[in-house]
PDB file of N, CA and C in Angstrom:
ATOM      1  N   MET A   1     -15.522 -21.965 -27.812  1.00  0.00           N
ATOM      2  CA  MET A   1     -15.579 -20.845 -26.425  1.00  0.00           C
ATOM      3  C   MET A   1     -14.531 -21.267 -25.917  1.00  0.00           C
ATOM      4  N   LEU A   2     -14.837 -20.057 -24.943  1.00  0.00           N
ATOM      5  CA  LEU A   2     -13.853 -20.131 -23.892  1.00  0.00           C
ATOM      6  C   LEU A   2     -14.205 -20.825 -22.444  1.00  0.00           C
ATOM      7  N   LYS A   3     -13.078 -21.516 -21.950  1.00  0.00           N
ATOM      8  CA  LYS A   3     -13.015 -22.203 -20.957  1.00  0.00           C
ATOM      9  C   LYS A   3     -12.845 -22.234 -19.825  1.00  0.00           C
ATOM     10  N   PRO A   4     -13.785 -22.327 -18.588  1.00  0.00           N
ATOM     11  CA  PRO A   4     -13.345 -21.825 -17.189  1.00  0.00           C
ATOM     12  C   PRO A   4     -11.942 -22.364 -16.513  1.00  0.00           C
ATOM     13  N   TYR A   5     -10.899 -21.763 -15.874  1.00  0.00           N
ATOM     14  CA  TYR A   5      -9.967 -21.905 -16.091  1.00  0.00           C
ATOM     15  C   TYR A   5      -9.636 -21.487 -14.170  1.00  0.00           C
ATOM     16  N   SER A   6      -9.016 -22.738 -13.313  1.00  0.00           N
ATOM     17  CA  SER A   6      -8.912 -22.484 -11.976  1.00  0.00           C
ATOM     18  C   SER A   6      -7.634 -21.538 -12.046  1.00  0.00           C
ATOM     19  N   PHE A   7      -7.599 -20.578 -10.687  1.00  0.00           N
ATOM     20  CA  PHE A   7      -6.717 -19.912 -10.527  1.00  0.00           C
ATOM     21  C   PHE A   7      -6.192 -19.159  -8.978  1.00  0.00           C
ATOM     22  N   TYR A   8      -5.455 -18.873  -8.673  1.00  0.00           N
ATOM     23  CA  TYR A   8      -5.047 -18.361  -7.144  1.00  0.00           C
ATOM     24  C   TYR A   8      -5.057 -16.969  -6.996  1.00  0.00           C
ATOM     25  N   VAL A   9      -5.730 -16.742  -5.707  1.00  0.00           N
ATOM     26  CA  VAL A   9      -5.484 -15.262  -5.386  1.00  0.00           C
ATOM     27  C   VAL A   9      -5.190 -15.081  -4.437  1.00  0.00           C
ATOM     28  N   LYS A  10      -3.682 -14.238  -3.916  1.00  0.00           N
ATOM     29  CA  LYS A  10      -3.207 -14.241  -3.436  1.00  0.00           C
ATOM     30  C   LYS A  10      -3.983 -13.072  -1.851  1.00  0.00           C
ATOM     31  N   CYS A  11      -4.195 -13.228  -0.743  1.00  0.00           N
ATOM     32  CA  CYS A  11      -5.168 -12.262   0.326  1.00  0.00           C
ATOM     33  C   CYS A  11      -4.286 -11.940   1.138  1.00  0.00           C
ATOM     34  N   PHE A  12      -4.402 -10.517   1.234  1.00  0.00           N
ATOM     35  CA  PHE A  12      -3.639 -10.274   2.711  1.00  0.00           C
ATOM     36  C   PHE A  12      -4.707  -9.605   3.544  1.00  0.00           C
ATOM     37  N   LYS A  13      -4.065  -9.844   5.105  1.00  0.00           N
ATOM     38  CA  LYS A  13      -4.948  -8.798   6.111  1.00  0.00           C
ATOM     39  C   LYS A  13      -4.284  -7.450   5.734  1.00  0.00           C
ATOM     40  N   LYS A  14      -5.298  -6.743   6.599  1.00  0.00           N
ATOM     41  CA  LYS A  14      -5.222  -4.919   6.220  1.00  0.00           C
ATOM     42  C   LYS A  14      -4.111  -4.584   6.989  1.00  0.00           C
ATOM     43  N   GLU A  15      -4.067  -5.353   8.564  1.00  0.00           N
ATOM     44  CA  GLU A  15      -2.877  -5.512   9.268  1.00  0.00           C
ATOM     45  C   GLU A  15      -2.105  -5.630   8.829  1.00  0.00           C
ATOM     46  N   ASP A  16      -1.299  -6.705   7.765  1.00  0.00           N
ATOM     47  CA  ASP A  16      -0.100  -6.764   7.276  1.00  0.00           C
ATOM     48  C   ASP A  16      -0.132  -5.804   6.165  1.00  0.00           C
ATOM     49  N   LEU A  17      -0.896  -5.316   5.332  1.00  0.00           N
ATOM     50  CA  LEU A  17      -0.608  -4.095   4.645  1.00  0.00           C
ATOM     51  C   LEU A  17      -0.173  -2.903   4.931  1.00  0.00           C
ATOM     52  N   PHE A  18      -0.720  -2.944   6.023  1.00  0.00           N
ATOM     53  CA  PHE A  18      -0.502  -1.603   6.775  1.00  0.00           C
ATOM     54  C   PHE A  18       0.737  -1.607   7.651  1.00  0.00           C
ATOM     55  N   ALA A  19       1.290  -2.455   7.802  1.00  0.00           N
ATOM     56  CA  ALA A  19       2.611  -3.069   8.441  1.00  0.00           C
ATOM     57  C   ALA A  19       3.821  -2.593   6.968  1.00  0.00           C
ATOM     58  N   GLY A  20       3.452  -3.100   5.709  1.00  0.00           N
ATOM     59  CA  GLY A  20       4.250  -3.048   4.420  1.00  0.00           C
ATOM     60  C   GLY A  20       4.148  -1.362   3.922  1.00  0.00           C
ATOM     61  N   LYS A  21       3.020  -0.743   4.265  1.00  0.00           N
ATOM     62  CA  LYS A  21       3.296   0.243   4.555  1.00  0.00           C
ATOM     63  C   LYS A  21       4.140   1.402   5.345  1.00  0.00           C
ATOM     64  N   MET A  22       4.048   1.196   6.425  1.00  0.00           N
ATOM     65  CA  MET A  22       4.483   1.599   7.223  1.00  0.00           C
ATOM     66  C   MET A  22       6.496   1.362   7.289  1.00  0.00           C
ATOM     67  N   HIS A  23       6.755   0.244   6.125  1.00  0.00           N
ATOM     68  CA  HIS A  23       8.038  -0.370   6.365  1.00  0.00           C
ATOM     69  C   HIS A  23       8.151   0.400   4.942  1.00  0.00           C
ATOM     70  N   ALA A  24       7.707   0.407   4.136  1.00  0.00           N
ATOM     71  CA  ALA A  24       7.960   1.716   3.588  1.00  0.00           C
ATOM     72  C   ALA A  24       8.284   2.975   3.472  1.00  0.00           C
ATOM     73  N   LEU A  25       7.048   3.465   4.181  1.00  0.00           N
ATOM     74  CA  LEU A  25       7.673   5.176   4.945  1.00  0.00           C
ATOM     75  C   LEU A  25       9.304   5.071   5.658  1.00  0.00           C
ATOM     76  N   LEU A  26       9.373   4.189   6.313  1.00  0.00           N
ATOM     77  CA  LEU A  26      10.547   4.130   7.140  1.00  0.00           C
ATOM     78  C   LEU A  26      11.880   3.816   6.562  1.00  0.00           C
ATOM     79  N   PHE A  27      11.570   2.558   5.899  1.00  0.00           N
ATOM     80  CA  PHE A  27      13.591   2.240   5.204  1.00  0.00           C
ATOM     81  C   PHE A  27      13.480   2.594   3.960  1.00  0.00           C
ATOM     82  N   ARG A  28      12.772   3.677   2.944  1.00  0.00           N
ATOM     83  CA  ARG A  28      13.126   3.412   1.776  1.00  0.00           C
ATOM     84  C   ARG A  28      14.452   4.268   2.176  1.00  0.00           C
ATOM     85  N   LYS A  29      15.190   3.644   0.505  1.00  0.00           N
ATOM     86  CA  LYS A  29      16.740   4.160   0.228  1.00  0.00           C
ATOM     87  C   LYS A  29      16.728   5.526   0.283  1.00  0.00           C
ATOM     88  N   TRP A  30      16.097   6.693  -0.262  1.00  0.00           N
ATOM     89  CA  TRP A  30      15.349   8.069  -0.137  1.00  0.00           C
ATOM     90  C   TRP A  30      14.803   8.381   0.742  1.00  0.00           C
ATOM     91  N   LYS A  31      14.634   8.499   2.225  1.00  0.00           N
ATOM     92  CA  LYS A  31      14.562   8.921   2.969  1.00  0.00           C
ATOM     93  C   LYS A  31      13.348  10.086   3.260  1.00  0.00           C
ATOM     94  N   ASN A  32      14.167  11.025   2.543  1.00  0.00           N
ATOM     95  CA  ASN A  32      14.263  12.834   2.481  1.00  0.00           C
ATOM     96  C   ASN A  32      12.614  12.429   1.566  1.00  0.00           C
ATOM     97  N   ASN A  33      12.587  11.631   0.725  1.00  0.00           N
ATOM     98  CA  ASN A  33      11.751  12.420  -0.203  1.00  0.00           C
ATOM     99  C   ASN A  33      10.777  11.254  -0.599  1.00  0.00           C
ATOM    100  N   VAL A  34       9.842  11.076   0.959  1.00  0.00           N
ATOM    101  CA  VAL A  34       8.462  10.149   0.736  1.00  0.00           C
ATOM    102  C   VAL A  34       7.519  10.654  -0.292  1.00  0.00           C
ATOM    103  N   LYS A  35       6.794   9.100  -0.743  1.00  0.00           N
ATOM    104  CA  LYS A  35       5.655   9.755  -1.892  1.00  0.00           C
ATOM    105  C   LYS A  35       4.389  10.036  -1.321  1.00  0.00           C
ATOM    106  N   GLY A  36       3.748  10.916  -1.629  1.00  0.00           N
ATOM    107  CA  GLY A  36       2.351  11.393  -1.362  1.00  0.00           C
ATOM    108  C   GLY A  36       1.387  10.128  -0.997  1.00  0.00           C
ATOM    109  N   ARG A  37       1.331   9.110  -2.203  1.00  0.00           N
ATOM    110  CA  ARG A  37       1.169   7.907  -1.961  1.00  0.00           C
ATOM    111  C   ARG A  37       0.738   7.296  -0.681  1.00  0.00           C
ATOM    112  N   ASP A  38       2.098   6.888  -0.022  1.00  0.00           N
ATOM    113  CA  ASP A  38       2.710   6.823   1.232  1.00  0.00           C
ATOM    114  C   ASP A  38       1.904   7.321   2.047  1.00  0.00           C
ATOM    115  N   TRP A  39       1.830   8.656   2.787  1.00  0.00           N
ATOM    116  CA  TRP A  39       0.924   9.135   3.667  1.00  0.00           C
ATOM    117  C   TRP A  39      -0.048   9.718   3.442  1.00  0.00           C
ATOM    118  N   TYR A  40      -0.829   9.561   2.499  1.00  0.00           N
ATOM    119  CA  TYR A  40      -2.428   8.965   2.602  1.00  0.00           C
ATOM    120  C   TYR A  40      -2.505   7.883   2.116  1.00  0.00           C
ATOM    121  N   ASP A  41      -1.567   6.840   1.995  1.00  0.00           N
ATOM    122  CA  ASP A  41      -2.569   5.209   2.858  1.00  0.00           C
ATOM    123  C   ASP A  41      -2.182   5.546   4.215  1.00  0.00           C
ATOM    124  N   LEU A  42      -1.315   5.750   4.818  1.00  0.00           N
ATOM    125  CA  LEU A  42      -1.064   6.284   6.368  1.00  0.00           C
ATOM    126  C   LEU A  42      -2.007   6.541   6.888  1.00  0.00           C
ATOM    127  N   GLU A  43      -2.575   7.824   6.805  1.00  0.00           N
ATOM    128  CA  GLU A  43      -4.333   8.353   7.162  1.00  0.00           C
ATOM    129  C   GLU A  43      -5.104   7.340   6.883  1.00  0.00           C
ATOM    130  N   TRP A  44      -5.158   6.837   5.929  1.00  0.00           N
ATOM    131  CA  TRP A  44      -6.450   5.570   5.617  1.00  0.00           C
ATOM    132  C   TRP A  44      -6.335   4.740   6.501  1.00  0.00           C
ATOM    133  N   TYR A  45      -4.917   4.205   6.745  1.00  0.00           N
ATOM    134  CA  TYR A  45      -4.916   2.917   7.802  1.00  0.00           C
ATOM    135  C   TYR A  45      -5.797   3.574   9.711  1.00  0.00           C
ATOM    136  N   ILE A  46      -5.284   4.477   9.064  1.00  0.00           N
ATOM    137  CA  ILE A  46      -5.484   5.402  10.839  1.00  0.00           C
ATOM    138  C   ILE A  46      -6.719   5.830  10.981  1.00  0.00           C
ATOM    139  N   GLN A  47      -7.541   6.168   9.982  1.00  0.00           N
ATOM    140  CA  GLN A  47      -8.718   6.820  10.078  1.00  0.00           C
ATOM    141  C   GLN A  47      -9.767   5.724  10.172  1.00  0.00           C
ATOM    142  N   LYS A  48      -9.386   4.364   9.716  1.00  0.00           N
ATOM    143  CA  LYS A  48     -10.199   3.467   9.578  1.00  0.00           C
ATOM    144  C   LYS A  48      -9.748   2.683  11.076  1.00  0.00           C
ATOM    145  N   GLY A  49      -8.790   2.513  11.729  1.00  0.00           N
ATOM    146  CA  GLY A  49      -8.656   2.224  12.865  1.00  0.00           C
ATOM    147  C   GLY A  49      -8.196   0.397  12.856  1.00  0.00           C
ATOM    148  N   ILE A  50      -7.312   0.497  11.666  1.00  0.00           N
ATOM    149  CA  ILE A  50      -6.389  -0.785  11.611  1.00  0.00           C
ATOM    150  C   ILE A  50      -5.341  -0.703  12.014  1.00  0.00           C
ATOM    151  N   SER A  51      -5.033  -1.653  13.111  1.00  0.00           N
ATOM    152  CA  SER A  51      -3.803  -2.204  13.878  1.00  0.00           C
ATOM    153  C   SER A  51      -2.822  -2.604  13.413  1.00  0.00           C
ATOM    154  N   LEU A  52      -1.621  -2.287  13.613  1.00  0.00           N
ATOM    155  CA  LEU A  52      -0.217  -2.449  12.833  1.00  0.00           C
ATOM    156  C   LEU A  52       0.342  -4.025  13.183  1.00  0.00           C
ATOM    157  N   ASN A  53       0.578  -4.634  11.848  1.00  0.00           N
ATOM    158  CA  ASN A  53       1.095  -6.150  12.049  1.00  0.00           C
ATOM    159  C   ASN A  53       2.468  -6.008  13.094  1.00  0.00           C
ATOM    160  N   LEU A  54       3.021  -5.747  13.915  1.00  0.00           N
ATOM    161  CA  LEU A  54       4.511  -5.618  14.448  1.00  0.00           C
ATOM    162  C   LEU A  54       5.305  -6.943  14.103  1.00  0.00           C
ATOM    163  N   THR A  55       4.797  -7.965  14.295  1.00  0.00           N
ATOM    164  CA  THR A  55       5.541  -9.623  13.575  1.00  0.00           C
ATOM    165  C   THR A  55       5.936  -9.287  12.531  1.00  0.00           C
ATOM    166  N   ILE A  56       5.435  -8.784  11.506  1.00  0.00           N
ATOM    167  CA  ILE A  56       6.169  -8.227   9.766  1.00  0.00           C
ATOM    168  C   ILE A  56       7.631  -7.578  10.073  1.00  0.00           C
ATOM    169  N   PHE A  57       8.262  -6.864  11.430  1.00  0.00           N
ATOM    170  CA  PHE A  57       9.031  -6.121  11.196  1.00  0.00           C
ATOM    171  C   PHE A  57      10.292  -7.071  11.780  1.00  0.00           C
ATOM    172  N   ASN A  58       9.912  -8.226  12.169  1.00  0.00           N
ATOM    173  CA  ASN A  58      10.451  -9.228  13.074  1.00  0.00           C
ATOM    174  C   ASN A  58      11.347 -10.308  11.895  1.00  0.00           C
TER     175      ASN A  58
END
């Protein structure tokens, strides 16, 4: 039988994920070709009222 084993899961705050998404929107190498999923995610974060963690950009 299979035995259970321990593992770690990285957890991120939504504010940090929002900052990562903003970084992707602003600093992609191909600036004129933004992915549709990025716009969808941006709208989702804004609608949910999630604040942007600006310390990620420093």
